[in-house]
Amino acid sequence: MKKYLLLLLSFLTLTASAQAPQVMEDVNKVVDNTPDSIAKALMARPAPGTTRKGNQPVLFLVGNSTMRNGTLGNGNNGQWGWGYFAPNFYDENLIAVENQALGGMSTRTFYTKLWPAIREALRPGDYVIVSIGHNDGGPIDEGRARSVLSGVGPDSVNVTIKETGVKETVWTYGGYIRKYINETRAKGATPILMSLTPRNAYENGKIIRKPQGPWLDEVGKQMNVAYIDLNEISGAKLDSYGEWKTNYHFTSADKIHTSKFGAELNARSAAEGIMACQHPTLFPLKAMMKNVALPMVDVKREEGKPVVFFAGDSTVKNADKDDDSMWGWGSVASTVFDTTKVTLANCAMAGRSTRTFLNEGRWEKIYNSVKPGDYVIIQFGHNDIGDIDKGKMRGVMAESKDTCKVFCMEGSKMYEVVYSFGWYLKKFIQDVREKGGTPILVSLTPRNIWKDGKVERRNDTYGKWYREVVEETGVEFVDVHNITADFLDKKYKNEAKPQKEFFKKDHTHTGKRGALQNAKSFAKGLKQTNSSLKAYLK
């Protein structure tokens, strides 16, 4: 720890003497302010090796803001680095994952400023992932002075930093990479080379691949080091997404830094790349990994039968057992569908909003499971307008436009970018179409709230937002809200509270009879559309 603090003090002295030029716009048109709060940033990172449990190994992550974003790396600026999510793929009882990355670092500045403390902490059996290079351009001897020479050759140049007078030998990109490799191996640890994360920039219709990838591949082959092409793995995914989806994987500030979506994508790509790599040095590491296989819906597929997935809340799936209790209409959908021709998979969950259904990974299972020809019925709303950053923390922005805002969650103090109701619906719709499936948007079921002999209609809020999403996306739409409301108005015209017959326990949840009617309302509305799904109705 003493050595770490001395290195920290040295770094602070160097950065303080060049404070002004360190906030200049760089060659990537990015202003990275992390060095302004370098003391806070460094202290927020664990001292190298301090997460080690007993004699267990540590996986050290070496990188820049694409691996660890913001001063604290906790998403408070709406940006995330993939190193934050890397531990999700490793068994914490077998190995610790230390994100030692820091925003604004180049291959060169990380090596001179931060690497010595990591090198000191390395032990036999450890691993070091080196994925750095976004900041390797720009001035070589002034300002941030973080540039390296291009390529992988043995070339070097001696420079004197104008602001500080510090003399330094600057090497090629490959030269620094070889230093990381040799010094890692000297401590009995295993180096892993990983190409950079992709940028949100296109060439000939595809995400531009970074030149550091081939350089790393070449060095890896020369020195027999495992190489993971993260740039290609994530780039190929982004290529398939389309512009709208790709954009929300990055932040609006620039084309390099990722949102939580992008960071999670890159963390998974990194894990998938390691698991697929056949380099023998990675076999022990792979034995310590978890969660690499894509989470899927447990559904039995039969040849020639498409699957209809249901995404929603308790009005779509509830306890669904006791005839005298609460039921969701998705669980009685077999009364309107011909199950000899189609397979039903009710993935809805009580208490969920569009936001929490996504955040809990429930949508990911559906997304991973959808195949061409499948259908996904999407119905949310009862839990979407409420507290955003306290209580159940499931609320969303109350509109259909693509709006979002960073909130700090009460209690956990974690930061989250929360989007609008319409945005979440549009994401679900786009995801299904991307997989070759057909999304069908369904308006929320009506509640047992009456005025002047008629049931409450929410056409000025949810109804309005649904229709705006339908107009914008062209998605197939079934208006269960108004179809069931019409039924209730007619059947219970002279009764103030049809609670016992249609609803159960409260004004939202239906009993089995109410669920059956909502299923009938869905079938009625579907028949009025041009959807190919209506061919599977009874």
Protein backbone atom coordinates (compact mmCIF):
# COMPACT_ATOMS: atom_id res chain seq x y z
CA MET A 1 0.00 0.00 0.00
CA LYS A 2 2.88 2.37 0.83
CA LYS A 3 4.36 1.92 -2.65
CA TYR A 4 0.93 2.49 -4.19
CA LEU A 5 0.49 5.77 -2.29
CA LEU A 6 3.95 6.95 -3.35
CA LEU A 7 3.09 6.20 -6.99
CA LEU A 8 -0.21 8.03 -6.51
CA LEU A 9 1.58 11.08 -5.09
CA SER A 10 4.00 11.08 -7.99
CA PHE A 11 1.15 10.89 -10.48
CA LEU A 12 -0.70 13.76 -8.77
CA THR A 13 2.40 15.94 -8.92
CA LEU A 14 2.83 15.29 -12.63
CA THR A 15 -0.80 15.92 -13.50
CA ALA A 16 -1.09 19.05 -11.38
CA SER A 17 1.78 20.69 -13.25
CA ALA A 18 -0.05 20.28 -16.54
CA GLN A 19 -3.64 20.85 -15.37
CA ALA A 20 -4.81 23.28 -18.08
CA PRO A 21 -3.86 21.37 -21.23
CA GLN A 22 -5.31 18.13 -19.88
CA VAL A 23 -8.86 19.20 -20.62
CA MET A 24 -8.27 19.90 -24.30
CA GLU A 25 -10.35 18.18 -26.93
CA ASP A 26 -8.43 15.18 -28.20
CA VAL A 27 -8.06 13.68 -31.66
CA ASN A 28 -11.32 11.77 -31.14
CA LYS A 29 -13.19 15.06 -30.47
CA VAL A 30 -13.57 14.00 -26.82
CA VAL A 31 -12.95 16.11 -23.74
CA ASP A 32 -12.06 13.68 -20.95
CA ASN A 33 -12.12 15.48 -17.61
CA THR A 34 -11.05 12.51 -15.50
CA PRO A 35 -7.58 13.98 -14.81
CA ASP A 36 -9.25 17.01 -13.20
CA SER A 37 -10.26 14.74 -10.34
CA ILE A 38 -7.40 12.29 -10.58
CA ALA A 39 -7.03 11.92 -6.81
CA LYS A 40 -10.67 10.92 -6.44
CA ALA A 41 -10.47 8.65 -9.50
CA LEU A 42 -7.37 6.84 -8.30
CA MET A 43 -8.65 6.39 -4.78
CA ALA A 44 -11.94 5.02 -6.16
CA ARG A 45 -9.95 2.28 -7.88
CA PRO A 46 -8.81 -0.52 -5.57
CA ALA A 47 -5.12 -0.52 -4.80
CA PRO A 48 -3.76 -3.24 -7.13
CA GLY A 49 -4.08 -6.71 -5.65
CA THR A 50 -6.19 -5.72 -2.65
CA THR A 51 -9.24 -7.67 -3.84
CA ARG A 52 -7.31 -10.93 -3.71
CA LYS A 53 -8.87 -13.59 -1.48
CA GLY A 54 -6.21 -15.70 0.17
CA ASN A 55 -4.10 -17.35 -2.51
CA GLN A 56 -6.72 -17.05 -5.22
CA PRO A 57 -5.75 -15.42 -8.53
CA VAL A 58 -6.73 -11.95 -9.70
CA LEU A 59 -7.76 -10.91 -13.21
CA PHE A 60 -6.43 -7.37 -13.74
CA LEU A 61 -8.04 -5.16 -16.39
CA VAL A 62 -5.78 -2.62 -18.13
CA GLY A 63 -7.58 -0.01 -20.21
CA ASN A 64 -9.07 3.46 -20.52
CA SER A 65 -12.53 5.04 -20.23
CA THR A 66 -14.13 2.41 -22.47
CA MET A 67 -13.27 -0.04 -19.70
CA ARG A 68 -13.79 2.32 -16.76
CA ASN A 69 -15.74 5.49 -17.39
CA GLY A 70 -16.13 8.71 -15.44
CA THR A 71 -14.23 9.89 -12.42
CA LEU A 72 -15.77 7.24 -10.15
CA GLY A 73 -16.74 4.70 -12.80
CA ASN A 74 -20.23 4.34 -11.33
CA GLY A 75 -22.39 5.64 -14.18
CA ASN A 76 -23.14 9.01 -12.59
CA ASN A 77 -22.44 10.67 -15.94
CA GLY A 78 -24.61 8.22 -17.88
CA GLN A 79 -21.50 6.52 -19.27
CA TRP A 80 -20.20 3.09 -18.35
CA GLY A 81 -17.04 1.12 -19.08
CA TRP A 82 -17.32 -2.60 -19.71
CA GLY A 83 -14.93 -3.47 -16.89
CA TYR A 84 -17.70 -2.68 -14.41
CA PHE A 85 -19.71 -5.64 -15.72
CA ALA A 86 -16.80 -8.03 -16.33
CA PRO A 87 -17.11 -9.67 -12.87
CA ASN A 88 -20.55 -10.98 -13.87
CA PHE A 89 -18.79 -13.65 -15.92
CA TYR A 90 -16.36 -14.95 -13.29
CA ASP A 91 -16.90 -17.02 -10.15
CA GLU A 92 -15.99 -14.68 -7.30
CA ASN A 93 -15.22 -17.71 -5.13
CA LEU A 94 -12.42 -18.69 -7.53
CA ILE A 95 -11.01 -15.42 -8.90
CA ALA A 96 -11.23 -11.68 -8.25
CA VAL A 97 -11.68 -9.22 -11.12
CA GLU A 98 -9.97 -5.87 -10.63
CA ASN A 99 -10.83 -3.05 -12.98
CA GLN A 100 -7.62 -1.00 -12.95
CA ALA A 101 -8.56 1.01 -16.06
CA LEU A 102 -8.77 4.80 -15.95
CA GLY A 103 -10.26 7.31 -18.35
CA GLY A 104 -7.87 9.35 -20.47
CA MET A 105 -5.04 6.82 -20.35
CA SER A 106 -3.14 5.78 -23.47
CA THR A 107 -1.00 2.68 -23.87
CA ARG A 108 1.95 4.89 -22.99
CA THR A 109 0.58 6.89 -20.03
CA PHE A 110 -0.96 3.83 -18.42
CA TYR A 111 2.40 2.05 -18.66
CA THR A 112 4.35 4.92 -17.11
CA LYS A 113 1.81 6.08 -14.50
CA LEU A 114 -0.38 3.15 -13.43
CA TRP A 115 1.28 -0.07 -14.56
CA PRO A 116 4.15 -0.10 -11.99
CA ALA A 117 1.72 -0.60 -9.07
CA ILE A 118 -0.11 -3.40 -10.92
CA ARG A 119 3.16 -5.08 -11.88
CA GLU A 120 4.21 -4.99 -8.22
CA ALA A 121 0.93 -6.69 -7.19
CA LEU A 122 1.11 -9.53 -9.74
CA ARG A 123 1.50 -13.09 -8.49
CA PRO A 124 1.91 -16.43 -10.29
CA GLY A 125 -1.47 -17.59 -11.58
CA ASP A 126 -2.86 -14.09 -12.15
CA TYR A 127 -4.17 -12.85 -15.49
CA VAL A 128 -3.88 -9.43 -17.14
CA ILE A 129 -6.21 -8.30 -19.92
CA VAL A 130 -4.64 -5.48 -21.95
CA SER A 131 -7.20 -3.61 -24.05
CA ILE A 132 -6.06 -0.05 -24.58
CA GLY A 133 -5.34 2.35 -27.42
CA HIS A 134 -8.24 4.77 -27.96
CA ASN A 135 -6.13 7.66 -26.67
CA ASP A 136 -2.85 6.86 -28.43
CA GLY A 137 -3.00 9.77 -30.89
CA GLY A 138 -2.41 13.49 -30.48
CA PRO A 139 0.69 15.45 -29.35
CA ILE A 140 3.69 13.37 -28.36
CA ASP A 141 5.54 15.96 -26.23
CA GLU A 142 2.97 18.51 -25.01
CA GLY A 143 -0.49 18.80 -23.50
CA ARG A 144 -1.58 15.32 -22.50
CA ALA A 145 1.55 13.94 -24.18
CA ARG A 146 0.08 10.48 -24.49
CA SER A 147 0.71 9.64 -28.14
CA VAL A 148 2.68 6.55 -29.19
CA LEU A 149 4.38 5.64 -32.46
CA SER A 150 2.20 3.70 -34.87
CA GLY A 151 2.72 0.03 -35.64
CA VAL A 152 4.47 -2.80 -33.84
CA GLY A 153 8.09 -2.24 -34.78
CA PRO A 154 11.06 -1.64 -32.42
CA ASP A 155 11.22 2.09 -33.18
CA SER A 156 11.38 4.69 -30.41
CA VAL A 157 11.94 8.43 -30.01
CA ASN A 158 13.26 10.51 -27.11
CA VAL A 159 11.09 13.48 -26.16
CA THR A 160 10.97 16.25 -23.54
CA ILE A 161 7.52 17.21 -22.32
CA LYS A 162 7.23 20.96 -22.87
CA GLU A 163 5.14 21.76 -19.81
CA THR A 164 7.10 19.68 -17.29
CA GLY A 165 10.56 19.21 -18.77
CA VAL A 166 10.28 15.46 -18.13
CA LYS A 167 12.34 13.39 -20.56
CA GLU A 168 10.82 10.19 -21.90
CA THR A 169 11.45 7.50 -24.48
CA VAL A 170 8.31 6.85 -26.51
CA TRP A 171 7.83 3.48 -28.23
CA THR A 172 5.49 2.08 -30.84
CA TYR A 173 2.12 0.68 -29.86
CA GLY A 174 3.54 -2.81 -30.27
CA GLY A 175 6.59 -1.85 -28.24
CA TYR A 176 4.48 -0.98 -25.22
CA ILE A 177 2.35 -4.11 -25.65
CA ARG A 178 5.49 -6.25 -25.57
CA LYS A 179 6.51 -4.52 -22.33
CA TYR A 180 3.17 -5.42 -20.73
CA ILE A 181 3.58 -9.02 -21.93
CA ASN A 182 7.17 -9.50 -20.79
CA GLU A 183 6.64 -7.91 -17.40
CA THR A 184 3.45 -9.88 -16.77
CA ARG A 185 5.19 -13.15 -17.60
CA ALA A 186 8.18 -12.22 -15.44
CA LYS A 187 5.84 -12.28 -12.43
CA GLY A 188 4.42 -15.69 -13.36
CA ALA A 189 1.11 -14.23 -14.57
CA THR A 190 -0.63 -14.70 -17.92
CA PRO A 191 -1.17 -11.81 -20.37
CA ILE A 192 -4.26 -11.64 -22.61
CA LEU A 193 -4.38 -9.23 -25.53
CA MET A 194 -7.78 -7.81 -26.43
CA SER A 195 -8.61 -5.41 -29.24
CA LEU A 196 -10.41 -2.14 -28.55
CA THR A 197 -14.12 -1.60 -28.20
CA PRO A 198 -15.75 -0.43 -31.46
CA ARG A 199 -16.73 3.18 -32.08
CA ASN A 200 -20.12 4.37 -33.26
CA ALA A 201 -18.73 5.17 -36.71
CA TYR A 202 -19.50 3.50 -40.03
CA GLU A 203 -17.70 2.74 -43.25
CA ASN A 204 -19.46 0.98 -46.13
CA GLY A 205 -22.43 0.26 -43.87
CA LYS A 206 -20.43 -1.40 -41.11
CA ILE A 207 -18.85 -0.31 -37.85
CA ILE A 208 -15.24 0.76 -38.51
CA ARG A 209 -12.71 -1.72 -37.13
CA LYS A 210 -9.77 -0.21 -35.27
CA PRO A 211 -6.16 -0.68 -36.57
CA GLN A 212 -4.89 -1.79 -33.18
CA GLY A 213 -6.64 -5.15 -33.65
CA PRO A 214 -4.33 -6.46 -36.38
CA TRP A 215 -1.34 -5.05 -34.49
CA LEU A 216 -2.31 -6.94 -31.35
CA ASP A 217 -2.94 -10.08 -33.37
CA GLU A 218 0.53 -9.83 -34.88
CA VAL A 219 2.23 -9.31 -31.50
CA GLY A 220 0.17 -12.13 -30.00
CA LYS A 221 1.33 -14.56 -32.68
CA GLN A 222 4.95 -13.44 -32.34
CA MET A 223 4.95 -13.91 -28.56
CA ASN A 224 2.45 -16.78 -28.27
CA VAL A 225 -0.11 -14.76 -26.34
CA ALA A 226 -3.87 -15.30 -26.44
CA TYR A 227 -5.59 -12.64 -28.54
CA ILE A 228 -9.31 -11.83 -28.30
CA ASP A 229 -10.77 -9.70 -31.09
CA LEU A 230 -13.27 -7.76 -28.96
CA ASN A 231 -13.52 -5.12 -31.68
CA GLU A 232 -14.82 -7.68 -34.15
CA ILE A 233 -17.09 -9.58 -31.76
CA SER A 234 -18.89 -6.43 -30.59
CA GLY A 235 -18.65 -4.79 -34.01
CA ALA A 236 -20.46 -7.69 -35.65
CA LYS A 237 -23.29 -7.39 -33.14
CA LEU A 238 -23.61 -3.66 -33.73
CA ASP A 239 -23.61 -4.25 -37.50
CA SER A 240 -26.78 -6.31 -37.09
CA TYR A 241 -28.58 -3.80 -34.85
CA GLY A 242 -29.21 -0.87 -37.12
CA GLU A 243 -28.63 2.80 -36.39
CA TRP A 244 -31.33 3.41 -33.75
CA LYS A 245 -30.26 0.52 -31.54
CA THR A 246 -26.54 1.09 -32.06
CA ASN A 247 -26.93 4.73 -30.99
CA TYR A 248 -28.28 3.91 -27.54
CA HIS A 249 -25.31 1.61 -26.92
CA PHE A 250 -23.24 4.79 -26.90
CA THR A 251 -23.73 8.12 -25.17
CA SER A 252 -24.93 11.21 -27.01
CA ALA A 253 -21.74 13.07 -26.04
CA ASP A 254 -19.45 11.27 -28.48
CA LYS A 255 -19.00 8.11 -30.53
CA ILE A 256 -16.59 6.26 -28.22
CA HIS A 257 -18.02 6.12 -24.71
CA THR A 258 -20.71 3.55 -24.08
CA SER A 259 -23.97 3.60 -22.19
CA LYS A 260 -24.82 0.75 -19.84
CA PHE A 261 -26.17 -1.16 -22.84
CA GLY A 262 -22.88 -0.80 -24.70
CA ALA A 263 -20.77 -1.63 -21.66
CA GLU A 264 -22.77 -4.78 -20.97
CA LEU A 265 -22.47 -5.78 -24.62
CA ASN A 266 -18.68 -5.36 -24.57
CA ALA A 267 -18.35 -7.24 -21.27
CA ARG A 268 -20.28 -10.16 -22.71
CA SER A 269 -18.28 -10.04 -25.95
CA ALA A 270 -15.05 -10.14 -23.95
CA ALA A 271 -16.26 -13.16 -21.99
CA GLU A 272 -17.50 -14.93 -25.10
CA GLY A 273 -14.17 -14.27 -26.81
CA ILE A 274 -12.20 -15.77 -23.94
CA MET A 275 -14.47 -18.80 -23.73
CA ALA A 276 -14.16 -19.43 -27.48
CA CYS A 277 -10.37 -18.95 -27.57
CA GLN A 278 -8.41 -22.20 -27.79
CA HIS A 279 -5.11 -20.84 -26.56
CA PRO A 280 -3.94 -23.28 -23.86
CA THR A 281 -3.02 -20.52 -21.38
CA LEU A 282 -6.71 -19.65 -21.03
CA PHE A 283 -7.99 -23.10 -20.08
CA PRO A 284 -7.59 -22.52 -16.30
CA LEU A 285 -9.29 -19.12 -16.60
CA LYS A 286 -12.22 -20.56 -18.53
CA ALA A 287 -12.78 -23.05 -15.72
CA MET A 288 -13.42 -20.07 -13.43
CA MET A 289 -16.02 -18.41 -15.68
CA LYS A 290 -19.81 -18.41 -15.45
CA ASN A 291 -22.91 -17.00 -17.18
CA VAL A 292 -21.29 -17.00 -20.63
CA ALA A 293 -24.07 -19.03 -22.24
CA LEU A 294 -26.95 -16.78 -23.31
CA PRO A 295 -29.95 -16.90 -20.94
CA MET A 296 -32.96 -18.35 -22.76
CA VAL A 297 -36.65 -19.01 -22.18
CA ASP A 298 -37.28 -22.64 -21.30
CA VAL A 299 -39.70 -23.49 -24.09
CA LYS A 300 -40.15 -26.77 -25.97
CA ARG A 301 -40.02 -26.10 -29.68
CA GLU A 302 -41.83 -28.31 -32.14
CA GLU A 303 -41.08 -28.31 -35.84
CA GLY A 304 -43.47 -26.18 -37.84
CA LYS A 305 -44.92 -24.46 -34.78
CA PRO A 306 -43.99 -20.84 -34.10
CA VAL A 307 -43.71 -19.66 -30.49
CA VAL A 308 -45.82 -16.83 -29.10
CA PHE A 309 -43.98 -15.13 -26.23
CA PHE A 310 -45.85 -12.93 -23.74
CA ALA A 311 -44.07 -10.00 -22.07
CA GLY A 312 -45.99 -8.09 -19.45
CA ASP A 313 -47.06 -7.70 -15.83
CA SER A 314 -49.53 -9.39 -13.45
CA THR A 315 -52.48 -8.71 -15.77
CA VAL A 316 -50.77 -11.08 -18.22
CA LYS A 317 -49.39 -13.58 -15.69
CA ASN A 318 -50.34 -13.88 -12.03
CA ALA A 319 -50.69 -16.79 -9.58
CA ASP A 320 -52.89 -18.45 -12.22
CA LYS A 321 -53.71 -21.52 -10.10
CA ASP A 322 -56.77 -21.11 -7.87
CA ASP A 323 -60.00 -20.54 -9.78
CA ASP A 324 -61.04 -18.12 -7.03
CA SER A 325 -57.83 -16.09 -7.08
CA MET A 326 -56.07 -13.64 -9.44
CA TRP A 327 -55.31 -14.62 -13.03
CA GLY A 328 -53.47 -13.07 -15.96
CA TRP A 329 -54.98 -13.44 -19.41
CA GLY A 330 -51.78 -14.82 -20.94
CA SER A 331 -52.19 -17.95 -18.86
CA VAL A 332 -55.60 -18.64 -20.38
CA ALA A 333 -54.55 -17.67 -23.92
CA SER A 334 -54.90 -21.33 -24.90
CA THR A 335 -58.67 -20.74 -24.86
CA VAL A 336 -58.34 -18.52 -27.94
CA PHE A 337 -55.25 -20.00 -29.64
CA ASP A 338 -55.02 -23.35 -31.42
CA THR A 339 -52.14 -24.90 -29.49
CA THR A 340 -51.78 -27.68 -32.05
CA LYS A 341 -50.44 -25.02 -34.40
CA VAL A 342 -48.63 -22.62 -32.09
CA THR A 343 -46.65 -22.86 -28.82
CA LEU A 344 -47.42 -20.37 -26.05
CA ALA A 345 -44.67 -19.11 -23.69
CA ASN A 346 -45.94 -16.76 -20.98
CA CYS A 347 -42.88 -14.86 -19.70
CA ALA A 348 -44.79 -12.04 -18.01
CA MET A 349 -44.11 -11.31 -14.33
CA ALA A 350 -46.24 -9.62 -11.68
CA GLY A 351 -45.16 -6.19 -10.49
CA ARG A 352 -42.96 -5.39 -13.47
CA SER A 353 -42.81 -2.27 -15.58
CA THR A 354 -41.14 -1.99 -18.97
CA ARG A 355 -38.04 -0.77 -17.15
CA THR A 356 -37.80 -3.49 -14.50
CA PHE A 357 -38.71 -6.22 -16.99
CA LEU A 358 -35.68 -5.11 -18.97
CA ASN A 359 -33.35 -4.45 -16.02
CA GLU A 360 -33.98 -7.84 -14.44
CA GLY A 361 -32.92 -9.67 -17.60
CA ARG A 362 -36.40 -11.01 -18.35
CA TRP A 363 -36.51 -9.30 -21.73
CA GLU A 364 -33.04 -10.59 -22.57
CA LYS A 365 -34.29 -14.18 -22.25
CA ILE A 366 -37.08 -13.50 -24.73
CA TYR A 367 -34.73 -11.64 -27.09
CA ASN A 368 -32.24 -14.51 -27.07
CA SER A 369 -34.99 -17.06 -27.68
CA VAL A 370 -36.90 -15.43 -30.55
CA LYS A 371 -36.48 -17.10 -33.94
CA PRO A 372 -37.77 -16.06 -37.36
CA GLY A 373 -41.51 -16.65 -37.53
CA ASP A 374 -42.12 -16.24 -33.79
CA TYR A 375 -44.40 -13.63 -32.22
CA VAL A 376 -43.96 -11.50 -29.09
CA ILE A 377 -47.01 -9.95 -27.43
CA ILE A 378 -46.01 -6.86 -25.42
CA GLN A 379 -48.35 -5.37 -22.81
CA PHE A 380 -47.22 -3.02 -20.03
CA GLY A 381 -48.46 0.07 -18.23
CA HIS A 382 -49.94 -0.70 -14.82
CA ASN A 383 -46.59 -0.33 -13.04
CA ASP A 384 -44.82 2.15 -15.29
CA ILE A 385 -45.88 5.49 -13.88
CA GLY A 386 -44.71 5.83 -10.30
CA ASP A 387 -41.59 6.41 -8.29
CA ILE A 388 -38.44 6.38 -10.40
CA ASP A 389 -35.64 6.68 -7.85
CA LYS A 390 -37.28 5.53 -4.59
CA GLY A 391 -39.79 2.99 -3.35
CA LYS A 392 -40.17 0.19 -5.89
CA MET A 393 -38.11 2.20 -8.38
CA ARG A 394 -39.94 0.93 -11.43
CA GLY A 395 -41.30 4.16 -12.88
CA VAL A 396 -40.39 5.54 -16.31
CA MET A 397 -40.59 8.90 -18.04
CA ALA A 398 -44.27 9.53 -18.80
CA GLU A 399 -44.26 10.01 -22.58
CA SER A 400 -43.65 8.28 -25.89
CA LYS A 401 -40.73 10.39 -27.09
CA ASP A 402 -37.17 9.06 -26.82
CA THR A 403 -36.31 10.89 -23.61
CA CYS A 404 -34.03 9.80 -20.79
CA LYS A 405 -32.42 11.11 -17.61
CA VAL A 406 -29.79 9.92 -15.12
CA PHE A 407 -31.19 9.22 -11.65
CA CYS A 408 -29.47 8.23 -8.41
CA MET A 409 -31.38 5.38 -6.79
CA GLU A 410 -32.35 5.91 -3.17
CA GLY A 411 -30.74 3.48 -0.78
CA SER A 412 -28.26 1.84 -3.15
CA LYS A 413 -27.01 5.21 -4.45
CA MET A 414 -26.50 3.51 -7.81
CA TYR A 415 -27.00 5.56 -10.96
CA GLU A 416 -29.33 4.57 -13.78
CA VAL A 417 -30.40 6.11 -17.06
CA VAL A 418 -34.20 5.88 -17.09
CA TYR A 419 -36.03 6.16 -20.41
CA SER A 420 -39.58 6.96 -21.45
CA PHE A 421 -42.46 4.48 -21.62
CA GLY A 422 -42.45 4.81 -25.40
CA TRP A 423 -38.68 4.26 -25.61
CA TYR A 424 -38.84 0.94 -23.78
CA LEU A 425 -41.69 -0.22 -26.03
CA LYS A 426 -39.73 0.81 -29.13
CA LYS A 427 -36.69 -1.08 -27.90
CA PHE A 428 -38.75 -4.25 -27.44
CA ILE A 429 -40.31 -3.82 -30.87
CA GLN A 430 -36.97 -3.28 -32.61
CA ASP A 431 -35.38 -6.23 -30.80
CA VAL A 432 -38.08 -8.63 -31.96
CA ARG A 433 -37.87 -7.44 -35.55
CA GLU A 434 -34.09 -7.75 -35.49
CA LYS A 435 -34.49 -11.46 -34.68
CA GLY A 436 -37.00 -12.03 -37.46
CA GLY A 437 -40.02 -12.17 -35.17
CA THR A 438 -43.25 -10.18 -35.18
CA PRO A 439 -43.93 -7.84 -32.25
CA ILE A 440 -47.55 -7.14 -31.32
CA LEU A 441 -48.26 -4.22 -29.00
CA VAL A 442 -51.27 -4.63 -26.70
CA SER A 443 -52.83 -1.81 -24.66
CA LEU A 444 -53.11 -2.34 -20.91
CA THR A 445 -56.21 -3.93 -19.39
CA PRO A 446 -58.78 -1.52 -17.87
CA ARG A 447 -59.14 -1.05 -14.11
CA ASN A 448 -62.21 -1.38 -11.90
CA ILE A 449 -62.61 2.36 -11.56
CA TRP A 450 -65.96 3.85 -12.63
CA LYS A 451 -67.40 7.30 -13.20
CA ASP A 452 -70.93 8.12 -14.31
CA GLY A 453 -71.66 4.46 -14.97
CA LYS A 454 -68.66 3.91 -17.24
CA VAL A 455 -65.31 2.30 -16.61
CA GLU A 456 -62.22 4.50 -16.54
CA ARG A 457 -60.38 4.91 -19.86
CA ARG A 458 -56.75 6.00 -20.02
CA ASN A 459 -56.70 7.07 -23.64
CA ASP A 460 -55.19 10.44 -22.82
CA THR A 461 -52.06 8.86 -21.28
CA TYR A 462 -51.19 5.27 -22.05
CA GLY A 463 -53.61 5.10 -24.96
CA LYS A 464 -52.04 8.20 -26.47
CA TRP A 465 -48.49 6.88 -25.96
CA TYR A 466 -49.37 3.48 -27.41
CA ARG A 467 -50.79 5.06 -30.54
CA GLU A 468 -47.84 7.37 -30.97
CA VAL A 469 -45.50 4.35 -30.81
CA VAL A 470 -47.70 2.50 -33.29
CA GLU A 471 -47.63 5.47 -35.67
CA GLU A 472 -43.86 5.81 -35.37
CA THR A 473 -42.98 2.11 -35.71
CA GLY A 474 -45.84 0.62 -37.70
CA VAL A 475 -46.11 -2.18 -35.13
CA GLU A 476 -49.20 -4.39 -35.06
CA PHE A 477 -51.53 -3.19 -32.32
CA VAL A 478 -54.45 -4.74 -30.41
CA ASP A 479 -56.44 -2.32 -28.26
CA VAL A 480 -57.50 -4.64 -25.43
CA HIS A 481 -58.00 -1.63 -23.15
CA ASN A 482 -60.93 -0.24 -25.09
CA ILE A 483 -62.34 -3.57 -26.27
CA THR A 484 -62.63 -4.86 -22.70
CA ALA A 485 -63.81 -1.45 -21.48
CA ASP A 486 -66.62 -1.54 -24.05
CA PHE A 487 -67.58 -4.99 -22.76
CA LEU A 488 -67.58 -3.81 -19.13
CA ASP A 489 -69.62 -0.70 -19.92
CA LYS A 490 -72.27 -2.82 -21.61
CA LYS A 491 -72.39 -5.75 -19.19
CA TYR A 492 -72.17 -3.81 -15.95
CA LYS A 493 -74.03 -0.69 -17.00
CA ASN A 494 -76.29 -0.75 -13.98
CA GLU A 495 -73.75 -2.07 -11.45
CA ALA A 496 -71.27 0.19 -9.70
CA LYS A 497 -68.74 -2.47 -8.74
CA PRO A 498 -68.33 -5.68 -10.77
CA GLN A 499 -65.54 -6.63 -8.31
CA LYS A 500 -66.63 -10.16 -7.39
CA GLU A 501 -67.39 -11.30 -10.91
CA PHE A 502 -64.60 -9.79 -13.00
CA PHE A 503 -61.88 -8.41 -10.70
CA LYS A 504 -60.18 -9.92 -7.63
CA LYS A 505 -58.89 -8.23 -4.45
CA ASP A 506 -58.29 -4.79 -6.00
CA HIS A 507 -59.15 -2.55 -8.94
CA THR A 508 -56.44 -3.89 -11.26
CA HIS A 509 -56.19 -7.65 -11.04
CA THR A 510 -58.71 -9.93 -12.68
CA GLY A 511 -60.04 -13.25 -11.51
CA LYS A 512 -60.19 -16.16 -13.92
CA ARG A 513 -63.40 -14.91 -15.49
CA GLY A 514 -61.86 -11.51 -16.11
CA ALA A 515 -58.72 -13.07 -17.54
CA LEU A 516 -60.80 -15.17 -19.93
CA GLN A 517 -62.62 -12.06 -21.10
CA ASN A 518 -59.35 -10.18 -21.71
CA ALA A 519 -58.13 -13.13 -23.76
CA LYS A 520 -61.35 -12.92 -25.80
CA SER A 521 -60.82 -9.19 -26.20
CA PHE A 522 -57.33 -9.83 -27.52
CA ALA A 523 -58.64 -12.39 -30.02
CA LYS A 524 -61.39 -9.99 -31.12
CA GLY A 525 -58.90 -7.18 -31.64
CA LEU A 526 -56.39 -9.42 -33.41
CA LYS A 527 -59.03 -10.50 -35.93
CA GLN A 528 -59.52 -6.85 -36.84
CA THR A 529 -55.86 -6.50 -37.87
CA ASN A 530 -53.86 -7.84 -40.78
CA SER A 531 -51.60 -9.83 -38.46
CA SER A 532 -50.55 -13.28 -39.60
CA LEU A 533 -50.94 -14.41 -35.98
CA LYS A 534 -54.73 -14.48 -36.33
CA ALA A 535 -54.36 -17.61 -38.46
CA TYR A 536 -53.52 -19.45 -35.24
CA LEU A 537 -56.70 -18.43 -33.40
CA LYS A 538 -59.38 -20.99 -32.77
